């Protein structure tokens, strides 16, 4: 019975070690594949056009400045509202 227990224990240990090594090897291979895909996707293409032009960015900045000044005008010109108790 002791021989069977020792054999069973050693078999379990060998399976656990081989499974761990296999999982780590598979994870490393998947990591390398993912890195190569991401490196390929991050390479700029030679005929890539910019998403926004300089005029569009300047136009958005002007709209933001206008909206900010409108907000500040409304905030500074706030009127007091009578409370319900009055």
C-alpha atoms as a PDB file:
ATOM      1  CA  UNK A   1       0.000   0.000   0.000  1.00  0.00           C
ATOM      2  CA  UNK A   2       2.902   2.318   0.781  1.00  0.00           C
ATOM      3  CA  UNK A   3       4.367   1.804  -2.701  1.00  0.00           C
ATOM      4  CA  UNK A   4       1.054   2.721  -4.299  1.00  0.00           C
ATOM      5  CA  UNK A   5       0.797   5.912  -2.219  1.00  0.00           C
ATOM      6  CA  UNK A   6       4.362   6.965  -3.110  1.00  0.00           C
ATOM      7  CA  UNK A   7       3.766   6.288  -6.811  1.00  0.00           C
ATOM      8  CA  UNK A   8       0.492   8.229  -6.714  1.00  0.00           C
ATOM      9  CA  UNK A   9       2.146  11.175  -4.922  1.00  0.00           C
ATOM     10  CA  UNK A  10       5.066  11.293  -7.367  1.00  0.00           C
ATOM     11  CA  UNK A  11       2.684  11.088 -10.321  1.00  0.00           C
ATOM     12  CA  UNK A  12       0.671  14.005  -8.977  1.00  0.00           C
ATOM     13  CA  UNK A  13       3.819  16.067  -8.485  1.00  0.00           C
ATOM     14  CA  UNK A  14       5.093  15.321 -11.991  1.00  0.00           C
ATOM     15  CA  UNK A  15       1.714  16.196 -13.540  1.00  0.00           C
ATOM     16  CA  UNK A  16       1.562  19.447 -11.534  1.00  0.00           C
ATOM     17  CA  UNK A  17       5.083  20.483 -12.553  1.00  0.00           C
ATOM     18  CA  UNK A  18       4.540  19.622 -16.217  1.00  0.00           C
ATOM     19  CA  UNK A  19       1.193  21.447 -16.236  1.00  0.00           C
ATOM     20  CA  UNK A  20       2.776  24.554 -14.698  1.00  0.00           C
ATOM     21  CA  UNK A  21       5.620  24.520 -17.201  1.00  0.00           C
ATOM     22  CA  UNK A  22       3.185  24.012 -20.075  1.00  0.00           C
ATOM     23  CA  UNK A  23       0.934  26.856 -18.957  1.00  0.00           C
ATOM     24  CA  UNK A  24       3.884  29.226 -18.538  1.00  0.00           C
ATOM     25  CA  UNK A  25       5.236  28.291 -21.965  1.00  0.00           C
ATOM     26  CA  UNK A  26       1.826  28.804 -23.588  1.00  0.00           C
ATOM     27  CA  UNK A  27       1.414  32.188 -21.839  1.00  0.00           C
ATOM     28  CA  UNK A  28       4.848  33.312 -23.029  1.00  0.00           C
ATOM     29  CA  UNK A  29       4.066  32.321 -26.621  1.00  0.00           C
ATOM     30  CA  UNK A  30       0.728  34.169 -26.495  1.00  0.00           C
ATOM     31  CA  UNK A  31       2.420  37.245 -25.011  1.00  0.00           C
ATOM     32  CA  UNK A  32       4.968  37.315 -27.810  1.00  0.00           C
ATOM     33  CA  UNK A  33       2.224  36.934 -30.428  1.00  0.00           C
ATOM     34  CA  UNK A  34       0.244  39.786 -28.875  1.00  0.00           C
ATOM     35  CA  UNK A  35       3.304  42.012 -28.740  1.00  0.00           C
ATOM     36  CA  UNK A  36       4.087  41.397 -32.399  1.00  0.00           C
ATOM     37  CA  UNK A  37       0.500  42.210 -33.406  1.00  0.00           C
ATOM     38  CA  UNK A  38       0.532  45.424 -31.355  1.00  0.00           C
ATOM     39  CA  UNK A  39       3.928  46.438 -32.737  1.00  0.00           C
ATOM     40  CA  UNK A  40       2.630  45.925 -36.247  1.00  0.00           C
ATOM     41  CA  UNK A  41      -0.528  47.954 -35.547  1.00  0.00           C
ATOM     42  CA  UNK A  42       1.441  50.840 -34.021  1.00  0.00           C
ATOM     43  CA  UNK A  43       3.671  51.289 -37.044  1.00  0.00           C
ATOM     44  CA  UNK A  44       2.660  54.450 -38.892  1.00  0.00           C
ATOM     45  CA  UNK A  45       1.540  53.896 -42.412  1.00  0.00           C
ATOM     46  CA  UNK A  46       3.269  56.052 -45.044  1.00  0.00           C
ATOM     47  CA  UNK A  47       0.021  57.375 -46.539  1.00  0.00           C
ATOM     48  CA  UNK A  48      -1.768  57.985 -43.247  1.00  0.00           C
ATOM     49  CA  UNK A  49      -3.609  61.311 -43.136  1.00  0.00           C
ATOM     50  CA  UNK A  50      -4.020  63.202 -39.870  1.00  0.00           C
ATOM     51  CA  UNK A  51      -7.380  62.862 -38.136  1.00  0.00           C
ATOM     52  CA  UNK A  52      -7.708  66.599 -37.575  1.00  0.00           C
ATOM     53  CA  UNK A  53      -6.171  69.440 -39.528  1.00  0.00           C
ATOM     54  CA  UNK A  54      -4.697  72.508 -37.888  1.00  0.00           C
ATOM     55  CA  UNK A  55      -7.661  74.659 -39.003  1.00  0.00           C
ATOM     56  CA  UNK A  56     -10.130  72.235 -37.388  1.00  0.00           C
ATOM     57  CA  UNK A  57      -8.179  72.274 -34.114  1.00  0.00           C
ATOM     58  CA  UNK A  58      -8.036  76.085 -34.145  1.00  0.00           C
ATOM     59  CA  UNK A  59     -11.784  76.223 -34.866  1.00  0.00           C
ATOM     60  CA  UNK A  60     -12.544  73.921 -31.931  1.00  0.00           C
ATOM     61  CA  UNK A  61     -10.299  76.001 -29.663  1.00  0.00           C
ATOM     62  CA  UNK A  62     -12.162  79.157 -30.716  1.00  0.00           C
ATOM     63  CA  UNK A  63     -15.521  77.486 -30.026  1.00  0.00           C
ATOM     64  CA  UNK A  64     -14.291  76.389 -26.606  1.00  0.00           C
ATOM     65  CA  UNK A  65     -13.090  79.902 -25.780  1.00  0.00           C
ATOM     66  CA  UNK A  66     -16.434  81.335 -26.898  1.00  0.00           C
ATOM     67  CA  UNK A  67     -18.364  78.819 -24.823  1.00  0.00           C
ATOM     68  CA  UNK A  68     -16.177  79.559 -21.818  1.00  0.00           C
ATOM     69  CA  UNK A  69     -16.717  83.311 -22.098  1.00  0.00           C
ATOM     70  CA  UNK A  70     -20.493  82.773 -22.466  1.00  0.00           C
ATOM     71  CA  UNK A  71     -20.473  80.578 -19.355  1.00  0.00           C
ATOM     72  CA  UNK A  72     -18.537  83.187 -17.375  1.00  0.00           C
ATOM     73  CA  UNK A  73     -20.945  85.929 -18.479  1.00  0.00           C
ATOM     74  CA  UNK A  74     -23.943  83.889 -17.375  1.00  0.00           C
ATOM     75  CA  UNK A  75     -22.232  82.958 -14.106  1.00  0.00           C
ATOM     76  CA  UNK A  76     -21.310  86.556 -13.277  1.00  0.00           C
ATOM     77  CA  UNK A  77     -24.740  87.932 -14.246  1.00  0.00           C
ATOM     78  CA  UNK A  78     -26.680  85.510 -12.083  1.00  0.00           C
ATOM     79  CA  UNK A  79     -29.802  86.913 -10.449  1.00  0.00           C
ATOM     80  CA  UNK A  80     -30.909  86.116  -6.954  1.00  0.00           C
ATOM     81  CA  UNK A  81     -34.011  84.008  -6.753  1.00  0.00           C
ATOM     82  CA  UNK A  82     -36.395  84.454  -3.857  1.00  0.00           C
ATOM     83  CA  UNK A  83     -36.625  81.384  -1.658  1.00  0.00           C
ATOM     84  CA  UNK A  84     -39.943  79.623  -1.104  1.00  0.00           C
ATOM     85  CA  UNK A  85     -40.126  80.943   2.461  1.00  0.00           C
ATOM     86  CA  UNK A  86     -40.382  84.556   1.297  1.00  0.00           C
END
